[in-house]
């Protein structure tokens, strides 16, 4: 009999233990996370620009005794860049001291060989750029030497860059921490003017040319390395037209499906529309098909209407319980919009990027700026003008 009671008692004790464990599981799974759930938020403002050219007209205008000063072109937008945590644009010129700069040489096959003096990077850096992309149709204008010297100078200036590579080192993306958000930037070109100055192997290894499978693999690698927000620059389309080339929409869809969170186009030298692309996994990806020239000495209105694309990101990190392990982090776009600008002459300085809105340009409300603002609004579509709410 004592043995029977012991067995009966052990069974009852087991039931109590199992029932208690079940109750604790329910409490920790449903009650405690709801009541004691903790979260952290961090925000970041990203700004992006189109083509920063360094054409002959710009070089003549920037001449000073003993060199060049390009900063007046960026003076007014530099104030806007200070409101951002990260600024990136397309550097559509080489910085190669072994080759003549644009104003000192002739065109080849009717095309300018884009190359600027090193002082151009003084202006880029002073303006507030954190990064530039370099995969574009002019990146091979002076062959492998032009690419490597440009990269060397960008590295010396501590300006992050992606799109072209040293002969012995390929970089598929840049990954940087922006206020606690890991942002990756990738850059590809569909077009190369001077392929004849590169061997097949040099073109393959030194220039990030667009290929759907490559883009997909590169984005996957960036995310594996920790990227939480992926920006892809695509150099594509036809010059001087607001109409999209036949392949732009197809390739934009492919890039979005590959995992991009934002797509920025360059090359047309004028603005093209914005569009939200719905991916196969139901994400909404903003594509700005062309940001136009950000600065140049081109003469037409379409070449001088430009924008700054501004993106407000928010990262929310959830925890299982206060002080406990992280459960998940979610990145969301709180606001996306454009700041309309115009390349014009201000106070005797040519090729100046000037904000259109009188609210942020110091009260200038000229008819030409209003007209530029109306043209920009008509082209962009699907995207609103950015209003500042973040104080820095």
Protein backbone atom coordinates (compact mmCIF):
# COMPACT_ATOMS: atom_id res chain seq x y z
CA UNK A 1 0.00 0.00 0.00
CA UNK A 2 2.68 2.62 0.77
CA UNK A 3 4.15 1.97 -2.66
CA UNK A 4 0.77 2.58 -4.33
CA UNK A 5 0.29 5.88 -2.47
CA UNK A 6 3.75 7.01 -3.56
CA UNK A 7 2.97 6.33 -7.21
CA UNK A 8 -0.38 8.11 -6.93
CA UNK A 9 1.25 11.08 -5.23
CA UNK A 10 3.96 11.33 -7.93
CA UNK A 11 1.34 11.31 -10.68
CA UNK A 12 -0.56 14.12 -8.98
CA UNK A 13 2.64 16.11 -8.53
CA UNK A 14 3.49 15.64 -12.18
CA UNK A 15 0.08 16.97 -13.20
CA UNK A 16 0.60 20.04 -11.00
CA UNK A 17 4.05 20.70 -12.49
CA UNK A 18 2.74 20.35 -16.06
CA UNK A 19 -0.24 22.59 -15.34
CA UNK A 20 1.99 25.23 -13.71
CA UNK A 21 4.37 25.20 -16.67
CA UNK A 22 1.44 25.61 -19.05
CA UNK A 23 0.14 28.61 -17.08
CA UNK A 24 3.60 30.22 -17.02
CA UNK A 25 3.96 29.67 -20.78
CA UNK A 26 0.64 31.38 -21.42
CA UNK A 27 1.56 34.29 -19.14
CA UNK A 28 4.94 34.84 -20.77
CA UNK A 29 3.61 34.33 -24.29
CA UNK A 30 0.57 36.59 -24.11
CA UNK A 31 0.24 38.65 -20.92
CA UNK A 32 3.79 39.76 -20.12
CA UNK A 33 4.87 40.76 -23.66
CA UNK A 34 1.78 42.93 -24.03
CA UNK A 35 2.24 44.68 -20.69
CA UNK A 36 6.03 44.85 -20.50
CA UNK A 37 6.86 45.11 -24.23
CA UNK A 38 9.64 47.65 -24.84
CA UNK A 39 10.78 49.41 -28.03
CA UNK A 40 13.45 51.84 -29.25
CA UNK A 41 13.06 54.27 -32.13
CA UNK A 42 15.72 56.00 -34.20
CA UNK A 43 15.29 58.34 -37.16
CA UNK A 44 17.42 59.34 -40.13
CA UNK A 45 17.05 61.86 -42.95
CA UNK A 46 18.58 60.82 -46.28
CA UNK A 47 19.06 63.16 -49.25
CA UNK A 48 19.92 62.19 -52.82
CA UNK A 49 20.86 64.21 -55.90
CA UNK A 50 21.27 63.64 -59.62
CA UNK A 51 24.23 64.31 -61.91
CA UNK A 52 27.01 66.52 -60.59
CA UNK A 53 28.71 67.40 -63.85
CA UNK A 54 32.00 69.26 -64.29
CA UNK A 55 31.73 70.46 -67.87
CA UNK A 56 33.94 72.99 -69.64
CA UNK A 57 31.52 75.85 -68.96
CA UNK A 58 31.58 75.09 -65.24
CA UNK A 59 35.35 74.94 -65.24
CA UNK A 60 35.69 78.32 -66.95
CA UNK A 61 33.23 79.85 -64.47
CA UNK A 62 35.03 78.37 -61.47
CA UNK A 63 38.50 79.64 -62.41
CA UNK A 64 40.21 81.72 -59.74
CA UNK A 65 43.80 82.81 -59.29
CA UNK A 66 45.85 79.71 -58.75
CA UNK A 67 43.11 77.16 -59.34
CA UNK A 68 39.35 76.62 -59.18
CA UNK A 69 36.51 77.21 -56.72
CA UNK A 70 33.35 75.23 -57.43
CA UNK A 71 31.74 75.72 -54.02
CA UNK A 72 29.56 78.71 -55.09
CA UNK A 73 27.51 76.19 -57.10
CA UNK A 74 26.64 74.32 -53.89
CA UNK A 75 26.51 77.19 -51.41
CA UNK A 76 22.73 77.38 -51.05
CA UNK A 77 21.96 73.67 -51.05
CA UNK A 78 24.75 73.03 -48.54
CA UNK A 79 22.46 74.64 -45.97
CA UNK A 80 19.81 72.06 -46.81
CA UNK A 81 22.27 69.18 -46.67
CA UNK A 82 23.02 70.10 -43.06
CA UNK A 83 19.48 68.97 -42.23
CA UNK A 84 20.32 65.47 -43.48
CA UNK A 85 22.17 62.61 -41.83
CA UNK A 86 23.37 61.22 -45.16
CA UNK A 87 23.81 62.84 -48.60
CA UNK A 88 24.60 60.96 -51.81
CA UNK A 89 24.71 61.90 -55.51
CA UNK A 90 26.00 60.86 -58.92
CA UNK A 91 29.52 62.14 -59.63
CA UNK A 92 29.50 62.30 -63.42
CA UNK A 93 33.07 63.31 -63.97
CA UNK A 94 36.48 61.81 -63.52
CA UNK A 95 39.06 63.43 -61.27
CA UNK A 96 42.20 62.29 -63.06
CA UNK A 97 45.31 64.47 -62.91
CA UNK A 98 47.09 62.34 -65.52
CA UNK A 99 44.62 63.46 -68.17
CA UNK A 100 43.47 66.88 -69.45
CA UNK A 101 40.41 68.39 -67.84
CA UNK A 102 37.32 68.90 -69.98
CA UNK A 103 37.97 72.52 -71.01
CA UNK A 104 41.48 71.65 -72.18
CA UNK A 105 40.70 68.84 -74.62
CA UNK A 106 38.62 68.06 -77.66
CA UNK A 107 35.65 65.76 -77.86
CA UNK A 108 36.05 62.19 -79.08
CA UNK A 109 33.36 60.94 -81.45
CA UNK A 110 31.43 64.11 -80.63
CA UNK A 111 31.41 63.31 -76.90
CA UNK A 112 33.16 65.32 -74.17
CA UNK A 113 35.73 63.48 -72.08
CA UNK A 114 34.50 64.44 -68.64
CA UNK A 115 37.34 65.18 -66.25
CA UNK A 116 37.61 67.83 -63.55
CA UNK A 117 40.35 69.30 -61.40
CA UNK A 118 40.78 67.90 -57.91
CA UNK A 119 39.34 71.13 -56.46
CA UNK A 120 35.93 69.87 -57.53
CA UNK A 121 36.08 67.43 -54.64
CA UNK A 122 36.72 70.35 -52.28
CA UNK A 123 33.26 71.64 -53.22
CA UNK A 124 31.60 68.21 -52.96
CA UNK A 125 33.09 67.62 -49.53
CA UNK A 126 32.37 71.12 -48.23
CA UNK A 127 28.79 70.92 -49.47
CA UNK A 128 28.20 67.93 -47.22
CA UNK A 129 28.23 64.84 -49.43
CA UNK A 130 28.89 61.61 -47.56
CA UNK A 131 28.92 59.41 -50.65
CA UNK A 132 28.87 59.47 -54.43
CA UNK A 133 28.13 56.88 -57.10
CA UNK A 134 30.46 56.62 -60.08
CA UNK A 135 28.98 54.09 -62.52
CA UNK A 136 27.94 56.20 -65.51
CA UNK A 137 28.56 56.53 -69.23
CA UNK A 138 31.59 58.82 -68.68
CA UNK A 139 33.41 56.67 -66.14
CA UNK A 140 35.66 55.13 -68.82
CA UNK A 141 36.44 58.38 -70.63
CA UNK A 142 40.12 58.10 -69.67
CA UNK A 143 40.33 54.35 -69.30
CA UNK A 144 41.55 52.41 -66.25
CA UNK A 145 43.90 55.19 -65.13
CA UNK A 146 41.03 57.68 -64.99
CA UNK A 147 38.95 55.30 -62.87
CA UNK A 148 41.73 54.47 -60.42
CA UNK A 149 42.88 58.06 -59.96
CA UNK A 150 39.30 59.20 -59.35
CA UNK A 151 38.78 56.50 -56.73
CA UNK A 152 42.10 57.32 -55.08
CA UNK A 153 41.13 60.97 -54.68
CA UNK A 154 37.64 60.13 -53.39
CA UNK A 155 39.23 57.85 -50.82
CA UNK A 156 41.68 60.59 -49.84
CA UNK A 157 38.73 62.92 -49.24
CA UNK A 158 36.95 60.22 -47.20
CA UNK A 159 33.98 60.30 -49.57
CA UNK A 160 32.32 56.91 -49.77
CA UNK A 161 32.00 55.76 -53.37
CA UNK A 162 30.67 52.83 -55.36
CA UNK A 163 30.19 52.03 -59.04
CA UNK A 164 33.77 51.80 -60.28
CA UNK A 165 36.68 49.78 -58.92
CA UNK A 166 40.41 49.48 -58.61
CA UNK A 167 41.90 46.83 -60.89
CA UNK A 168 42.53 44.46 -58.00
CA UNK A 169 39.58 45.20 -55.74
CA UNK A 170 35.87 45.07 -56.53
CA UNK A 171 33.34 46.86 -54.33
CA UNK A 172 29.72 45.91 -54.95
CA UNK A 173 28.12 48.17 -52.36
CA UNK A 174 28.85 50.68 -49.65
CA UNK A 175 27.34 50.03 -46.23
CA UNK A 176 27.21 52.79 -43.66
CA UNK A 177 25.56 53.36 -40.30
CA UNK A 178 23.22 56.35 -40.49
CA UNK A 179 21.89 57.10 -37.01
CA UNK A 180 21.71 53.41 -36.21
CA UNK A 181 20.22 52.40 -39.56
CA UNK A 182 22.47 50.38 -41.87
CA UNK A 183 22.11 51.95 -45.32
CA UNK A 184 23.57 50.28 -48.42
CA UNK A 185 24.11 52.07 -51.73
CA UNK A 186 24.74 50.27 -55.02
CA UNK A 187 25.47 51.78 -58.44
CA UNK A 188 25.18 50.36 -61.97
CA UNK A 189 25.39 51.75 -65.47
CA UNK A 190 23.61 50.49 -68.59
CA UNK A 191 25.76 52.76 -70.77
CA UNK A 192 29.51 53.23 -71.33
CA UNK A 193 30.81 55.70 -73.91
CA UNK A 194 34.46 54.75 -74.27
CA UNK A 195 34.46 50.97 -74.07
CA UNK A 196 37.38 50.90 -76.49
CA UNK A 197 39.68 52.33 -73.81
CA UNK A 198 39.10 49.26 -71.63
CA UNK A 199 39.89 45.60 -72.17
CA UNK A 200 37.00 43.21 -71.72
CA UNK A 201 38.39 42.11 -68.35
CA UNK A 202 38.91 45.71 -67.19
CA UNK A 203 35.36 46.65 -68.12
CA UNK A 204 34.01 43.60 -66.29
CA UNK A 205 35.98 44.13 -63.09
CA UNK A 206 36.36 47.92 -62.91
CA UNK A 207 32.84 49.05 -63.83
CA UNK A 208 29.63 47.88 -62.20
CA UNK A 209 27.61 47.37 -65.37
CA UNK A 210 23.93 46.52 -65.04
CA UNK A 211 23.02 42.86 -65.09
CA UNK A 212 19.84 41.57 -63.45
CA UNK A 213 21.45 38.52 -61.85
CA UNK A 214 24.40 40.55 -60.61
CA UNK A 215 22.16 43.15 -59.01
CA UNK A 216 20.16 40.46 -57.24
CA UNK A 217 23.31 38.80 -55.92
CA UNK A 218 24.83 42.12 -54.80
CA UNK A 219 21.70 43.18 -52.90
CA UNK A 220 21.55 39.76 -51.25
CA UNK A 221 25.20 40.14 -50.18
CA UNK A 222 24.57 43.65 -48.83
CA UNK A 223 21.65 42.41 -46.75
CA UNK A 224 23.68 39.49 -45.45
CA UNK A 225 26.31 42.04 -44.37
CA UNK A 226 23.65 43.88 -42.37
CA UNK A 227 21.98 46.31 -44.77
CA UNK A 228 18.55 47.39 -43.54
CA UNK A 229 17.73 49.93 -46.27
CA UNK A 230 19.02 49.44 -49.82
CA UNK A 231 19.39 52.25 -52.38
CA UNK A 232 20.20 51.44 -56.01
CA UNK A 233 21.37 54.04 -58.54
CA UNK A 234 20.79 53.08 -62.19
CA UNK A 235 22.41 55.05 -65.02
CA UNK A 236 19.97 54.48 -67.87
CA UNK A 237 17.47 56.02 -70.29
CA UNK A 238 17.71 58.54 -73.14
CA UNK A 239 19.17 62.02 -72.89
CA UNK A 240 17.12 65.22 -72.85
CA UNK A 241 13.69 63.67 -72.76
CA UNK A 242 11.10 63.22 -70.03
CA UNK A 243 9.90 60.03 -71.75
CA UNK A 244 11.13 56.72 -70.40
CA UNK A 245 13.24 54.41 -72.53
CA UNK A 246 11.60 51.07 -73.29
CA UNK A 247 13.69 49.11 -70.78
CA UNK A 248 13.59 51.43 -67.77
CA UNK A 249 10.31 50.18 -66.33
CA UNK A 250 11.24 46.52 -66.80
CA UNK A 251 14.64 46.95 -65.17
CA UNK A 252 13.18 49.06 -62.36
CA UNK A 253 10.73 46.25 -61.57
CA UNK A 254 13.59 43.73 -61.55
CA UNK A 255 15.68 45.90 -59.21
CA UNK A 256 12.72 46.37 -56.87
CA UNK A 257 12.03 42.63 -56.81
CA UNK A 258 15.72 42.01 -56.11
CA UNK A 259 15.26 43.76 -52.77
CA UNK A 260 15.88 47.47 -53.35
CA UNK A 261 14.03 49.90 -51.09
CA UNK A 262 14.71 52.97 -53.26
CA UNK A 263 15.71 53.30 -56.93
CA UNK A 264 17.31 56.46 -58.32
CA UNK A 265 17.92 57.00 -62.02
CA UNK A 266 20.44 59.20 -63.79
CA UNK A 267 21.76 59.95 -67.32
CA UNK A 268 18.85 61.72 -69.13
CA UNK A 269 20.14 65.13 -67.85
CA UNK A 270 16.55 66.08 -67.14
CA UNK A 271 13.89 65.06 -64.67
CA UNK A 272 11.65 62.08 -65.27
CA UNK A 273 8.67 60.99 -63.24
CA UNK A 274 8.52 59.27 -59.87
CA UNK A 275 6.63 56.02 -59.47
CA UNK A 276 5.88 53.53 -56.72
CA UNK A 277 6.54 49.98 -57.87
CA UNK A 278 4.65 47.11 -56.22
CA UNK A 279 6.97 44.15 -55.84
CA UNK A 280 6.06 40.49 -55.96
CA UNK A 281 6.23 40.42 -52.15
CA UNK A 282 3.85 43.42 -52.00
CA UNK A 283 6.38 46.09 -50.98
CA UNK A 284 6.03 49.62 -52.36
CA UNK A 285 9.38 50.80 -53.77
CA UNK A 286 9.87 54.41 -54.82
CA UNK A 287 11.59 54.79 -58.20
CA UNK A 288 12.79 58.19 -59.37
CA UNK A 289 13.47 57.39 -63.01
CA UNK A 290 15.74 60.39 -63.46
CA UNK A 291 16.91 63.01 -61.00
CA UNK A 292 18.24 65.15 -63.85
CA UNK A 293 21.38 67.26 -63.64
CA UNK A 294 22.07 68.52 -60.17
CA UNK A 295 24.59 70.97 -61.56
CA UNK A 296 25.92 71.56 -65.06
CA UNK A 297 26.53 74.31 -67.59
CA UNK A 298 23.95 72.96 -70.04
CA UNK A 299 21.65 75.69 -71.28
CA UNK A 300 18.12 74.29 -71.69
CA UNK A 301 15.41 74.61 -69.06
CA UNK A 302 15.03 70.83 -68.81
CA UNK A 303 18.76 70.55 -68.02
CA UNK A 304 18.54 73.10 -65.22
CA UNK A 305 15.35 72.06 -63.39
CA UNK A 306 16.45 69.74 -60.61
CA UNK A 307 15.53 68.34 -57.20
CA UNK A 308 16.88 66.97 -53.96
CA UNK A 309 15.12 63.75 -53.01
CA UNK A 310 14.56 63.59 -49.23
CA UNK A 311 13.63 60.43 -47.33
CA UNK A 312 12.76 60.26 -43.62
CA UNK A 313 13.39 56.80 -42.20
CA UNK A 314 12.39 55.42 -38.83
CA UNK A 315 13.74 52.26 -37.24
CA UNK A 316 11.69 50.62 -34.50
CA UNK A 317 13.36 47.87 -32.49
CA UNK A 318 11.12 45.57 -30.46
CA UNK A 319 12.29 43.54 -27.47
CA UNK A 320 10.82 40.42 -25.91
CA UNK A 321 10.71 42.20 -22.54
CA UNK A 322 12.52 45.19 -20.94
CA UNK A 323 16.23 44.55 -20.88
CA UNK A 324 15.75 41.32 -22.75
CA UNK A 325 16.94 40.13 -26.15
CA UNK A 326 15.97 41.96 -29.33
CA UNK A 327 13.05 40.40 -31.16
CA UNK A 328 12.93 42.34 -34.44
CA UNK A 329 13.75 45.70 -36.05
CA UNK A 330 11.46 47.33 -38.60
CA UNK A 331 12.47 50.13 -41.02
CA UNK A 332 9.69 52.37 -42.30
CA UNK A 333 9.62 55.40 -44.58
CA UNK A 334 7.86 58.11 -42.65
CA UNK A 335 8.10 60.70 -45.40
CA UNK A 336 9.41 60.94 -48.96
CA UNK A 337 9.41 64.05 -51.09
CA UNK A 338 11.42 66.39 -53.26
CA UNK A 339 12.95 69.83 -52.80
CA UNK A 340 12.68 71.69 -56.14
CA UNK A 341 15.78 73.58 -57.27
CA UNK A 342 17.01 75.48 -60.29
CA UNK A 343 20.52 75.86 -61.71
CA UNK A 344 20.87 79.57 -62.41
CA UNK A 345 23.06 82.66 -61.98
CA UNK A 346 23.07 84.24 -58.52
CA UNK A 347 25.06 87.34 -57.58
CA UNK A 348 27.40 86.99 -60.52
CA UNK A 349 28.06 83.27 -59.97
CA UNK A 350 27.05 80.92 -62.77
CA UNK A 351 25.77 77.34 -62.40
CA UNK A 352 24.39 77.85 -58.90
CA UNK A 353 21.92 75.29 -57.53
CA UNK A 354 19.20 77.42 -55.96
CA UNK A 355 16.09 76.22 -54.08
CA UNK A 356 12.86 77.26 -55.79
CA UNK A 357 10.78 77.78 -52.66
CA UNK A 358 10.93 81.29 -51.20
CA UNK A 359 10.40 79.73 -47.77
CA UNK A 360 13.85 78.17 -47.84
CA UNK A 361 15.83 80.32 -50.29
CA UNK A 362 15.73 83.55 -48.30
CA UNK A 363 12.59 85.05 -49.84
CA UNK A 364 13.47 85.00 -53.55
CA UNK A 365 10.15 84.62 -55.34
CA UNK A 366 11.07 85.44 -58.92
CA UNK A 367 8.91 84.49 -61.87
CA UNK A 368 11.62 82.20 -63.28
CA UNK A 369 11.77 80.22 -60.04
CA UNK A 370 7.97 79.88 -59.94
CA UNK A 371 7.98 78.65 -63.53
CA UNK A 372 10.70 76.11 -62.68
CA UNK A 373 8.68 74.89 -59.71
CA UNK A 374 5.61 74.40 -61.88
CA UNK A 375 7.59 72.50 -64.53
CA UNK A 376 9.13 70.24 -61.90
CA UNK A 377 5.77 69.49 -60.29
CA UNK A 378 4.31 68.60 -63.68
CA UNK A 379 7.10 66.14 -64.47
CA UNK A 380 7.61 64.42 -61.13
CA UNK A 381 4.01 63.38 -60.37
CA UNK A 382 3.20 60.80 -57.66
CA UNK A 383 5.48 62.59 -55.18
CA UNK A 384 4.89 65.66 -53.04
CA UNK A 385 7.20 68.52 -52.21
CA UNK A 386 9.20 67.83 -49.07
CA UNK A 387 8.40 69.95 -46.02
CA UNK A 388 10.98 70.22 -43.29
CA UNK A 389 10.03 68.95 -39.85
CA UNK A 390 13.38 67.79 -38.48
CA UNK A 391 15.50 70.38 -36.65
CA UNK A 392 19.22 69.81 -36.48
